[in-house]
Amino acid sequence: MIGRASPPAAIVRISYSARRYHRKDHLTMNLPARHGCITVTIEGAVAFVTIDNAERRNALTLAMWQAVPAAVEEAVAAPQVRVIIVRGAGEETFVAGADISEFATLRGNAKDAKTYEAINVAAFDALRASPKPTIAMIRGHCLGGGVGLAVACDLRVAARGSSFGIPAARLGIAYPPTALADIVALTGAARAKDLVFTARRIDAAEAERIGLIDRLVDADELETETRALAATLAENAPLTITATKAALTALSSGDLSGAHAAAERCFDSADFAEGRTAFLEKRSPVFRGE
């Protein structure tokens, strides 16, 4: 069990398989048959959202992009879950970006590209808006939309040997503005421009140096270290983490009302009383998120 506050629970696995995509004008776009799905595995206090298309280095088909918000929602809705970890299936790749073989059909003009981008953005938004903390567990290639997923998470742990890049300028496409904003928030505008303008690959050491990732670990320690980080977060007060996320989001939007409400909930909570009591009794607190 991860986190003392979490009740014992059997592993729960949910799969979001690829679905047909319908445009907003209700015209069906015929998609080529692709493998790939998004799975949610719940282990005690931790939910793993796995990008699973190993045959194509976990490239996301449009149907997979569509499935991401539902997967995140599933993890958020599970009462025992305190932390969400996003990972790629297998041992070689986090996410190699979007499935480029679909671009001619699904992003062939500005109108279709706008619809496609909205689905991308919805996936990033779901991670960014999660009230529960999210961690990207990165090994191998983290490219294009994979970078977008990683930077939409709260924290990023990467294995040595991983590589990062945004190849938009080699494909002639535009990267979503909100995803660029996430990168700028981590690296600064100049480094974000360098990554996008050059379309170059950087290694994990440089990614850590410029702030794109938070922790760099040996490849054989990636899962252990990520689980340990998740365990630490799971043991801490969930209302505090939620309030912190709300406050940081409010700083960029300028609307502080939600942040104030989340902070007030902390001070009215049983967890606040538990935290004070545990401190005075010199023991570890057991937070329940209420």
C-alpha atoms as a PDB file:
ATOM      1  CA  MET A   1       0.000   0.000   0.000  1.00  0.00           C
ATOM      2  CA  ILE A   2       1.303   3.466  -0.853  1.00  0.00           C
ATOM      3  CA  GLY A   3       0.537   6.008   1.825  1.00  0.00           C
ATOM      4  CA  ARG A   4      -0.540   5.097   5.351  1.00  0.00           C
ATOM      5  CA  ALA A   5      -3.804   6.998   4.926  1.00  0.00           C
ATOM      6  CA  SER A   6      -4.910   4.748   2.070  1.00  0.00           C
ATOM      7  CA  PRO A   7      -7.066   1.698   2.760  1.00  0.00           C
ATOM      8  CA  PRO A   8      -5.970  -1.664   1.354  1.00  0.00           C
ATOM      9  CA  ALA A   9      -7.352  -2.094  -2.136  1.00  0.00           C
ATOM     10  CA  ALA A  10      -7.144  -4.626  -4.900  1.00  0.00           C
ATOM     11  CA  ILE A  11      -5.587  -3.496  -8.137  1.00  0.00           C
ATOM     12  CA  VAL A  12      -8.247  -2.088 -10.448  1.00  0.00           C
ATOM     13  CA  ARG A  13      -7.578  -1.824 -14.166  1.00  0.00           C
ATOM     14  CA  ILE A  14      -9.733   0.093 -16.630  1.00  0.00           C
ATOM     15  CA  SER A  15      -9.031   0.328 -20.351  1.00  0.00           C
ATOM     16  CA  TYR A  16     -10.149   3.135 -22.655  1.00  0.00           C
ATOM     17  CA  SER A  17      -9.965   1.618 -26.113  1.00  0.00           C
ATOM     18  CA  ALA A  18      -9.723   3.549 -29.336  1.00  0.00           C
ATOM     19  CA  ARG A  19     -13.047   4.896 -30.572  1.00  0.00           C
ATOM     20  CA  ARG A  20     -14.264   6.399 -33.821  1.00  0.00           C
ATOM     21  CA  TYR A  21     -13.850  10.145 -33.929  1.00  0.00           C
ATOM     22  CA  HIS A  22     -16.793  12.345 -34.954  1.00  0.00           C
ATOM     23  CA  ARG A  23     -16.246  15.892 -36.048  1.00  0.00           C
ATOM     24  CA  LYS A  24     -18.307  18.666 -34.533  1.00  0.00           C
ATOM     25  CA  ASP A  25     -20.353  18.890 -37.738  1.00  0.00           C
ATOM     26  CA  HIS A  26     -21.262  15.214 -37.132  1.00  0.00           C
ATOM     27  CA  LEU A  27     -19.532  13.989 -40.271  1.00  0.00           C
ATOM     28  CA  THR A  28     -17.672  10.767 -39.498  1.00  0.00           C
ATOM     29  CA  MET A  29     -14.003  10.817 -40.420  1.00  0.00           C
ATOM     30  CA  ASN A  30     -12.885   7.324 -41.416  1.00  0.00           C
ATOM     31  CA  LEU A  31      -9.893   6.451 -39.302  1.00  0.00           C
ATOM     32  CA  PRO A  32      -7.398   3.739 -40.214  1.00  0.00           C
ATOM     33  CA  ALA A  33      -7.450   0.832 -37.763  1.00  0.00           C
ATOM     34  CA  ARG A  34      -4.876   1.482 -35.040  1.00  0.00           C
ATOM     35  CA  HIS A  35      -3.945  -0.294 -31.913  1.00  0.00           C
ATOM     36  CA  GLY A  36      -3.532   1.594 -28.696  1.00  0.00           C
ATOM     37  CA  CYS A  37      -5.460   2.505 -25.592  1.00  0.00           C
ATOM     38  CA  ILE A  38      -5.253   4.463 -22.384  1.00  0.00           C
ATOM     39  CA  THR A  39      -5.424   2.342 -19.239  1.00  0.00           C
ATOM     40  CA  VAL A  40      -6.039   3.298 -15.623  1.00  0.00           C
ATOM     41  CA  THR A  41      -4.603   1.031 -12.946  1.00  0.00           C
ATOM     42  CA  ILE A  42      -5.378   1.860  -9.323  1.00  0.00           C
ATOM     43  CA  GLU A  43      -3.046   0.546  -6.639  1.00  0.00           C
ATOM     44  CA  GLY A  44      -4.111   1.839  -3.246  1.00  0.00           C
ATOM     45  CA  ALA A  45      -3.509   5.579  -3.170  1.00  0.00           C
ATOM     46  CA  VAL A  46      -1.924   5.753  -6.628  1.00  0.00           C
ATOM     47  CA  ALA A  47      -3.562   5.643 -10.050  1.00  0.00           C
ATOM     48  CA  PHE A  48      -1.388   4.882 -13.074  1.00  0.00           C
ATOM     49  CA  VAL A  49      -2.593   6.363 -16.352  1.00  0.00           C
ATOM     50  CA  THR A  50      -0.703   4.447 -19.040  1.00  0.00           C
ATOM     51  CA  ILE A  51      -0.293   5.483 -22.666  1.00  0.00           C
ATOM     52  CA  ASP A  52      -0.249   2.107 -24.391  1.00  0.00           C
ATOM     53  CA  ASN A  53       0.669   1.896 -28.054  1.00  0.00           C
ATOM     54  CA  ALA A  54       4.021   0.190 -27.745  1.00  0.00           C
ATOM     55  CA  GLU A  55       4.112  -0.900 -31.404  1.00  0.00           C
ATOM     56  CA  ARG A  56       4.342   2.783 -32.357  1.00  0.00           C
ATOM     57  CA  ARG A  57       6.478   3.978 -29.433  1.00  0.00           C
ATOM     58  CA  ASN A  58       3.321   4.976 -27.570  1.00  0.00           C
ATOM     59  CA  ALA A  59       2.356   7.537 -30.205  1.00  0.00           C
ATOM     60  CA  LEU A  60      -1.161   8.753 -29.519  1.00  0.00           C
ATOM     61  CA  THR A  61      -3.841   8.245 -32.124  1.00  0.00           C
ATOM     62  CA  LEU A  62      -6.646  10.765 -32.110  1.00  0.00           C
ATOM     63  CA  ALA A  63      -8.902   8.252 -30.370  1.00  0.00           C
ATOM     64  CA  MET A  64      -6.278   7.889 -27.643  1.00  0.00           C
ATOM     65  CA  TRP A  65      -6.097  11.661 -27.223  1.00  0.00           C
ATOM     66  CA  GLN A  66      -9.870  11.633 -26.816  1.00  0.00           C
ATOM     67  CA  ALA A  67      -9.594   8.983 -24.097  1.00  0.00           C
ATOM     68  CA  VAL A  68      -7.131  10.871 -21.896  1.00  0.00           C
ATOM     69  CA  PRO A  69      -9.662  13.171 -20.138  1.00  0.00           C
ATOM     70  CA  ALA A  70     -11.918  10.219 -19.267  1.00  0.00           C
ATOM     71  CA  ALA A  71      -8.948   8.314 -17.870  1.00  0.00           C
ATOM     72  CA  VAL A  72      -7.880  11.259 -15.708  1.00  0.00           C
ATOM     73  CA  GLU A  73     -11.475  11.743 -14.577  1.00  0.00           C
ATOM     74  CA  GLU A  74     -11.628   8.075 -13.559  1.00  0.00           C
ATOM     75  CA  ALA A  75      -8.495   8.461 -11.441  1.00  0.00           C
ATOM     76  CA  VAL A  76      -9.706  11.703  -9.867  1.00  0.00           C
ATOM     77  CA  ALA A  77     -13.094  10.187  -9.019  1.00  0.00           C
ATOM     78  CA  ALA A  78     -11.626   7.200  -7.167  1.00  0.00           C
ATOM     79  CA  PRO A  79     -11.838   8.206  -3.480  1.00  0.00           C
ATOM     80  CA  GLN A  80      -8.797   6.193  -2.410  1.00  0.00           C
ATOM     81  CA  VAL A  81      -6.524   7.790  -5.023  1.00  0.00           C
ATOM     82  CA  ARG A  82      -4.240  10.557  -3.788  1.00  0.00           C
ATOM     83  CA  VAL A  83      -1.720  10.728  -6.657  1.00  0.00           C
ATOM     84  CA  ILE A  84      -1.849  10.123 -10.421  1.00  0.00           C
ATOM     85  CA  ILE A  85       1.208   8.855 -12.307  1.00  0.00           C
ATOM     86  CA  VAL A  86       1.293   9.170 -16.100  1.00  0.00           C
ATOM     87  CA  ARG A  87       3.573   6.703 -17.878  1.00  0.00           C
ATOM     88  CA  GLY A  88       4.197   5.029 -21.215  1.00  0.00           C
ATOM     89  CA  ALA A  89       3.741   1.312 -21.700  1.00  0.00           C
ATOM     90  CA  GLY A  90       6.859  -0.832 -21.928  1.00  0.00           C
ATOM     91  CA  GLU A  91      10.440  -0.061 -21.029  1.00  0.00           C
ATOM     92  CA  GLU A  92      11.576   2.057 -23.976  1.00  0.00           C
ATOM     93  CA  THR A  93       9.364   5.106 -24.521  1.00  0.00           C
ATOM     94  CA  PHE A  94       7.224   7.562 -22.581  1.00  0.00           C
ATOM     95  CA  VAL A  95       5.305   9.046 -25.513  1.00  0.00           C
ATOM     96  CA  ALA A  96       6.703   9.645 -28.994  1.00  0.00           C
ATOM     97  CA  GLY A  97       4.067  12.306 -29.691  1.00  0.00           C
ATOM     98  CA  ALA A  98       0.972  12.159 -31.855  1.00  0.00           C
ATOM     99  CA  ASP A  99       0.569   9.474 -34.521  1.00  0.00           C
ATOM    100  CA  ILE A 100       1.869  11.369 -37.550  1.00  0.00           C
ATOM    101  CA  SER A 101       0.410   8.813 -39.968  1.00  0.00           C
ATOM    102  CA  GLU A 102      -3.027  10.273 -39.170  1.00  0.00           C
ATOM    103  CA  PHE A 103      -2.072  13.865 -39.954  1.00  0.00           C
ATOM    104  CA  ALA A 104      -2.876  13.840 -43.673  1.00  0.00           C
ATOM    105  CA  THR A 105      -6.412  12.697 -42.934  1.00  0.00           C
ATOM    106  CA  LEU A 106      -7.116  14.468 -39.652  1.00  0.00           C
ATOM    107  CA  ARG A 107      -4.957  17.621 -39.820  1.00  0.00           C
ATOM    108  CA  GLY A 108      -4.922  18.187 -43.553  1.00  0.00           C
ATOM    109  CA  ASN A 109      -6.247  21.747 -43.375  1.00  0.00           C
ATOM    110  CA  ALA A 110      -6.749  24.534 -40.860  1.00  0.00           C
ATOM    111  CA  LYS A 111     -10.338  23.593 -40.046  1.00  0.00           C
ATOM    112  CA  ASP A 112      -9.544  19.971 -39.221  1.00  0.00           C
ATOM    113  CA  ALA A 113      -6.329  20.979 -37.457  1.00  0.00           C
ATOM    114  CA  LYS A 114      -8.321  23.290 -35.183  1.00  0.00           C
ATOM    115  CA  THR A 115     -10.624  20.428 -34.183  1.00  0.00           C
ATOM    116  CA  TYR A 116      -7.647  18.108 -33.635  1.00  0.00           C
ATOM    117  CA  GLU A 117      -5.859  20.696 -31.510  1.00  0.00           C
ATOM    118  CA  ALA A 118      -8.933  21.166 -29.332  1.00  0.00           C
ATOM    119  CA  ILE A 119      -8.798  17.447 -28.516  1.00  0.00           C
ATOM    120  CA  ASN A 120      -5.080  17.704 -27.722  1.00  0.00           C
ATOM    121  CA  VAL A 121      -5.725  20.679 -25.470  1.00  0.00           C
ATOM    122  CA  ALA A 122      -8.542  18.856 -23.661  1.00  0.00           C
ATOM    123  CA  ALA A 123      -6.059  16.099 -22.760  1.00  0.00           C
ATOM    124  CA  PHE A 124      -3.534  18.624 -21.425  1.00  0.00           C
ATOM    125  CA  ASP A 125      -6.263  20.544 -19.601  1.00  0.00           C
ATOM    126  CA  ALA A 126      -7.473  17.394 -17.850  1.00  0.00           C
ATOM    127  CA  LEU A 127      -4.052  16.813 -16.320  1.00  0.00           C
ATOM    128  CA  ARG A 128      -3.484  20.461 -15.505  1.00  0.00           C
ATOM    129  CA  ALA A 129      -6.895  20.813 -13.837  1.00  0.00           C
ATOM    130  CA  SER A 130      -6.695  17.616 -11.789  1.00  0.00           C
ATOM    131  CA  PRO A 131      -7.205  18.477  -8.110  1.00  0.00           C
ATOM    132  CA  LYS A 132      -4.979  15.508  -7.291  1.00  0.00           C
ATOM    133  CA  PRO A 133      -1.235  15.822  -7.944  1.00  0.00           C
ATOM    134  CA  THR A 134       0.076  14.346 -11.178  1.00  0.00           C
ATOM    135  CA  ILE A 135       3.536  12.961 -11.878  1.00  0.00           C
ATOM    136  CA  ALA A 136       4.972  12.132 -15.308  1.00  0.00           C
ATOM    137  CA  MET A 137       7.232   9.067 -15.139  1.00  0.00           C
ATOM    138  CA  ILE A 138       9.475   9.411 -18.190  1.00  0.00           C
ATOM    139  CA  ARG A 139      11.811   6.952 -19.821  1.00  0.00           C
ATOM    140  CA  GLY A 140      13.079   6.900 -23.383  1.00  0.00           C
ATOM    141  CA  HIS A 141      11.558   9.231 -25.959  1.00  0.00           C
ATOM    142  CA  CYS A 142       9.395  12.136 -24.779  1.00  0.00           C
ATOM    143  CA  LEU A 143       8.554  14.008 -27.957  1.00  0.00           C
ATOM    144  CA  GLY A 144       5.984  16.487 -29.252  1.00  0.00           C
ATOM    145  CA  GLY A 145       2.661  15.724 -27.608  1.00  0.00           C
ATOM    146  CA  GLY A 146       4.538  13.607 -25.091  1.00  0.00           C
ATOM    147  CA  VAL A 147       6.273  16.761 -23.882  1.00  0.00           C
ATOM    148  CA  GLY A 148       2.836  18.409 -23.754  1.00  0.00           C
ATOM    149  CA  LEU A 149       1.494  15.648 -21.496  1.00  0.00           C
ATOM    150  CA  ALA A 150       4.584  15.741 -19.285  1.00  0.00           C
ATOM    151  CA  VAL A 151       4.577  19.502 -18.769  1.00  0.00           C
ATOM    152  CA  ALA A 152       0.839  19.488 -18.047  1.00  0.00           C
ATOM    153  CA  CYS A 153       1.618  17.301 -15.027  1.00  0.00           C
ATOM    154  CA  ASP A 154       2.653  18.821 -11.711  1.00  0.00           C
ATOM    155  CA  LEU A 155       5.989  17.016 -11.459  1.00  0.00           C
ATOM    156  CA  ARG A 156       8.279  15.116 -13.820  1.00  0.00           C
ATOM    157  CA  VAL A 157      10.687  12.296 -12.955  1.00  0.00           C
ATOM    158  CA  ALA A 158      12.889  11.073 -15.806  1.00  0.00           C
ATOM    159  CA  ALA A 159      15.360   8.282 -16.304  1.00  0.00           C
ATOM    160  CA  ARG A 160      18.892   8.941 -17.487  1.00  0.00           C
ATOM    161  CA  GLY A 161      19.035   8.147 -21.167  1.00  0.00           C
ATOM    162  CA  SER A 162      15.682   9.773 -21.891  1.00  0.00           C
ATOM    163  CA  SER A 163      15.439  12.291 -24.713  1.00  0.00           C
ATOM    164  CA  PHE A 164      13.145  15.254 -25.269  1.00  0.00           C
ATOM    165  CA  GLY A 165      12.146  17.262 -28.299  1.00  0.00           C
ATOM    166  CA  ILE A 166       9.384  19.224 -30.023  1.00  0.00           C
ATOM    167  CA  PRO A 167       9.598  18.513 -33.776  1.00  0.00           C
ATOM    168  CA  ALA A 168       6.810  20.899 -34.816  1.00  0.00           C
ATOM    169  CA  ALA A 169       9.171  23.032 -36.922  1.00  0.00           C
ATOM    170  CA  ARG A 170      10.254  19.931 -38.856  1.00  0.00           C
ATOM    171  CA  LEU A 171       6.615  19.075 -39.592  1.00  0.00           C
ATOM    172  CA  GLY A 172       5.281  22.532 -40.380  1.00  0.00           C
ATOM    173  CA  ILE A 173       2.661  22.479 -37.624  1.00  0.00           C
ATOM    174  CA  ALA A 174       1.944  24.808 -34.729  1.00  0.00           C
ATOM    175  CA  TYR A 175       2.180  23.720 -31.103  1.00  0.00           C
ATOM    176  CA  PRO A 176      -0.876  24.564 -28.905  1.00  0.00           C
ATOM    177  CA  PRO A 177      -0.421  27.917 -27.105  1.00  0.00           C
ATOM    178  CA  THR A 178      -1.417  26.518 -23.707  1.00  0.00           C
ATOM    179  CA  ALA A 179       1.144  23.735 -24.069  1.00  0.00           C
ATOM    180  CA  LEU A 180       3.779  26.336 -24.950  1.00  0.00           C
ATOM    181  CA  ALA A 181       2.739  28.277 -21.851  1.00  0.00           C
ATOM    182  CA  ASP A 182       3.392  25.186 -19.729  1.00  0.00           C
ATOM    183  CA  ILE A 183       6.881  24.892 -21.190  1.00  0.00           C
ATOM    184  CA  VAL A 184       7.589  28.582 -20.689  1.00  0.00           C
ATOM    185  CA  ALA A 185       6.489  28.297 -17.054  1.00  0.00           C
ATOM    186  CA  LEU A 186       9.174  25.645 -16.543  1.00  0.00           C
ATOM    187  CA  THR A 187      12.043  26.800 -18.732  1.00  0.00           C
ATOM    188  CA  GLY A 188      11.451  30.469 -19.546  1.00  0.00           C
ATOM    189  CA  ALA A 189      10.553  31.907 -22.939  1.00  0.00           C
ATOM    190  CA  ALA A 190      14.059  31.901 -24.433  1.00  0.00           C
ATOM    191  CA  ARG A 191      14.643  28.209 -23.813  1.00  0.00           C
ATOM    192  CA  ALA A 192      11.147  27.348 -25.022  1.00  0.00           C
ATOM    193  CA  LYS A 193      11.919  29.201 -28.255  1.00  0.00           C
ATOM    194  CA  ASP A 194      15.215  27.335 -28.578  1.00  0.00           C
ATOM    195  CA  LEU A 195      13.466  23.959 -28.237  1.00  0.00           C
ATOM    196  CA  VAL A 196      10.716  24.773 -30.745  1.00  0.00           C
ATOM    197  CA  PHE A 197      12.663  26.870 -33.260  1.00  0.00           C
ATOM    198  CA  THR A 198      15.508  24.337 -33.578  1.00  0.00           C
ATOM    199  CA  ALA A 199      13.368  21.179 -33.144  1.00  0.00           C
ATOM    200  CA  ARG A 200      16.482  19.630 -31.629  1.00  0.00           C
ATOM    201  CA  ARG A 201      16.584  16.681 -29.255  1.00  0.00           C
ATOM    202  CA  ILE A 202      17.993  17.221 -25.800  1.00  0.00           C
ATOM    203  CA  ASP A 203      19.097  14.606 -23.318  1.00  0.00           C
ATOM    204  CA  ALA A 204      17.741  14.193 -19.808  1.00  0.00           C
ATOM    205  CA  ALA A 205      20.664  16.017 -18.206  1.00  0.00           C
ATOM    206  CA  GLU A 206      19.966  19.147 -20.253  1.00  0.00           C
ATOM    207  CA  ALA A 207      16.244  18.780 -19.634  1.00  0.00           C
ATOM    208  CA  GLU A 208      16.929  18.851 -15.892  1.00  0.00           C
ATOM    209  CA  ARG A 209      19.336  21.768 -16.213  1.00  0.00           C
ATOM    210  CA  ILE A 210      16.803  23.971 -18.027  1.00  0.00           C
ATOM    211  CA  GLY A 211      13.951  22.999 -15.712  1.00  0.00           C
ATOM    212  CA  LEU A 212      11.948  20.839 -18.117  1.00  0.00           C
ATOM    213  CA  ILE A 213      12.094  17.932 -15.650  1.00  0.00           C
ATOM    214  CA  ASP A 214      12.257  18.002 -11.865  1.00  0.00           C
ATOM    215  CA  ARG A 215      14.153  14.837 -10.959  1.00  0.00           C
ATOM    216  CA  LEU A 216      16.691  12.771 -12.884  1.00  0.00           C
ATOM    217  CA  VAL A 217      17.301   9.195 -11.726  1.00  0.00           C
ATOM    218  CA  ASP A 218      19.029   6.056 -12.937  1.00  0.00           C
ATOM    219  CA  ALA A 219      16.908   4.087 -15.392  1.00  0.00           C
ATOM    220  CA  ASP A 220      16.660   1.049 -13.129  1.00  0.00           C
ATOM    221  CA  GLU A 221      15.460   3.264 -10.271  1.00  0.00           C
ATOM    222  CA  LEU A 222      12.801   5.196 -12.186  1.00  0.00           C
ATOM    223  CA  GLU A 223       9.760   3.287 -10.982  1.00  0.00           C
ATOM    224  CA  THR A 224      11.064   2.960  -7.423  1.00  0.00           C
ATOM    225  CA  GLU A 225      11.846   6.663  -7.162  1.00  0.00           C
ATOM    226  CA  THR A 226       8.560   7.713  -8.752  1.00  0.00           C
ATOM    227  CA  ARG A 227       6.576   5.467  -6.437  1.00  0.00           C
ATOM    228  CA  ALA A 228       8.496   6.848  -3.463  1.00  0.00           C
ATOM    229  CA  LEU A 229       7.651  10.399  -4.509  1.00  0.00           C
ATOM    230  CA  ALA A 230       4.005   9.391  -4.923  1.00  0.00           C
ATOM    231  CA  ALA A 231       4.040   7.820  -1.458  1.00  0.00           C
ATOM    232  CA  THR A 232       5.329  11.061   0.051  1.00  0.00           C
ATOM    233  CA  LEU A 233       2.585  13.076  -1.643  1.00  0.00           C
ATOM    234  CA  ALA A 234      -0.055  10.518  -0.662  1.00  0.00           C
ATOM    235  CA  GLU A 235       0.865  10.832   3.011  1.00  0.00           C
ATOM    236  CA  ASN A 236       0.556  14.610   3.003  1.00  0.00           C
ATOM    237  CA  ALA A 237      -2.657  16.596   3.397  1.00  0.00           C
ATOM    238  CA  PRO A 238      -4.625  16.342   0.140  1.00  0.00           C
ATOM    239  CA  LEU A 239      -6.598  19.524   0.839  1.00  0.00           C
ATOM    240  CA  THR A 240      -3.330  21.454   1.117  1.00  0.00           C
ATOM    241  CA  ILE A 241      -2.139  20.098  -2.224  1.00  0.00           C
ATOM    242  CA  THR A 242      -5.483  20.916  -3.861  1.00  0.00           C
ATOM    243  CA  ALA A 243      -5.420  24.441  -2.402  1.00  0.00           C
ATOM    244  CA  THR A 244      -1.865  24.957  -3.634  1.00  0.00           C
ATOM    245  CA  LYS A 245      -2.787  23.877  -7.161  1.00  0.00           C
ATOM    246  CA  ALA A 246      -5.803  26.206  -7.084  1.00  0.00           C
ATOM    247  CA  ALA A 247      -3.665  29.115  -5.903  1.00  0.00           C
ATOM    248  CA  LEU A 248      -0.996  28.623  -8.557  1.00  0.00           C
ATOM    249  CA  THR A 249      -3.645  28.359 -11.268  1.00  0.00           C
ATOM    250  CA  ALA A 250      -5.304  31.515  -9.948  1.00  0.00           C
ATOM    251  CA  LEU A 251      -2.054  33.459 -10.196  1.00  0.00           C
ATOM    252  CA  SER A 252      -2.059  33.001 -13.952  1.00  0.00           C
ATOM    253  CA  SER A 253      -5.804  33.566 -14.436  1.00  0.00           C
ATOM    254  CA  GLY A 254      -6.167  36.454 -12.002  1.00  0.00           C
ATOM    255  CA  ASP A 255      -9.315  34.961 -10.454  1.00  0.00           C
ATOM    256  CA  LEU A 256      -8.460  34.225  -6.821  1.00  0.00           C
ATOM    257  CA  SER A 257     -11.948  33.270  -5.634  1.00  0.00           C
ATOM    258  CA  GLY A 258     -11.462  29.536  -6.078  1.00  0.00           C
ATOM    259  CA  ALA A 259      -8.066  29.665  -4.418  1.00  0.00           C
ATOM    260  CA  HIS A 260      -9.454  31.473  -1.369  1.00  0.00           C
ATOM    261  CA  ALA A 261     -12.269  28.924  -1.051  1.00  0.00           C
ATOM    262  CA  ALA A 262      -9.812  26.025  -1.242  1.00  0.00           C
ATOM    263  CA  ALA A 263      -7.624  27.623   1.433  1.00  0.00           C
ATOM    264  CA  GLU A 264     -10.591  28.215   3.723  1.00  0.00           C
ATOM    265  CA  ARG A 265     -11.576  24.582   3.371  1.00  0.00           C
ATOM    266  CA  CYS A 266      -8.148  23.595   4.724  1.00  0.00           C
ATOM    267  CA  PHE A 267      -8.606  25.630   7.893  1.00  0.00           C
ATOM    268  CA  ASP A 268     -12.112  24.252   8.485  1.00  0.00           C
ATOM    269  CA  SER A 269     -11.025  20.635   7.931  1.00  0.00           C
ATOM    270  CA  ALA A 270     -10.530  17.694  10.268  1.00  0.00           C
ATOM    271  CA  ASP A 271      -7.137  17.274   8.608  1.00  0.00           C
ATOM    272  CA  PHE A 272      -5.993  20.619  10.020  1.00  0.00           C
ATOM    273  CA  ALA A 273      -6.926  19.448  13.517  1.00  0.00           C
ATOM    274  CA  GLU A 274      -5.156  16.145  12.854  1.00  0.00           C
ATOM    275  CA  GLY A 275      -2.028  17.928  11.647  1.00  0.00           C
ATOM    276  CA  ARG A 276      -1.871  20.119  14.761  1.00  0.00           C
ATOM    277  CA  THR A 277      -2.503  17.207  17.098  1.00  0.00           C
ATOM    278  CA  ALA A 278       0.042  14.954  15.399  1.00  0.00           C
ATOM    279  CA  PHE A 279       2.673  17.683  15.586  1.00  0.00           C
ATOM    280  CA  LEU A 280       2.120  18.170  19.333  1.00  0.00           C
ATOM    281  CA  GLU A 281       2.076  14.418  19.921  1.00  0.00           C
ATOM    282  CA  LYS A 282       5.247  13.979  17.857  1.00  0.00           C
ATOM    283  CA  ARG A 283       3.731  11.394  15.526  1.00  0.00           C
ATOM    284  CA  SER A 284       3.017  11.153  11.819  1.00  0.00           C
ATOM    285  CA  PRO A 285      -0.379  12.583  10.837  1.00  0.00           C
ATOM    286  CA  VAL A 286      -2.999  10.468   9.106  1.00  0.00           C
ATOM    287  CA  PHE A 287      -4.869  12.695   6.676  1.00  0.00           C
ATOM    288  CA  ARG A 288      -8.266  11.761   5.259  1.00  0.00           C
ATOM    289  CA  GLY A 289      -8.910  14.653   2.918  1.00  0.00           C
ATOM    290  CA  GLU A 290     -11.813  15.978   4.965  1.00  0.00           C
END
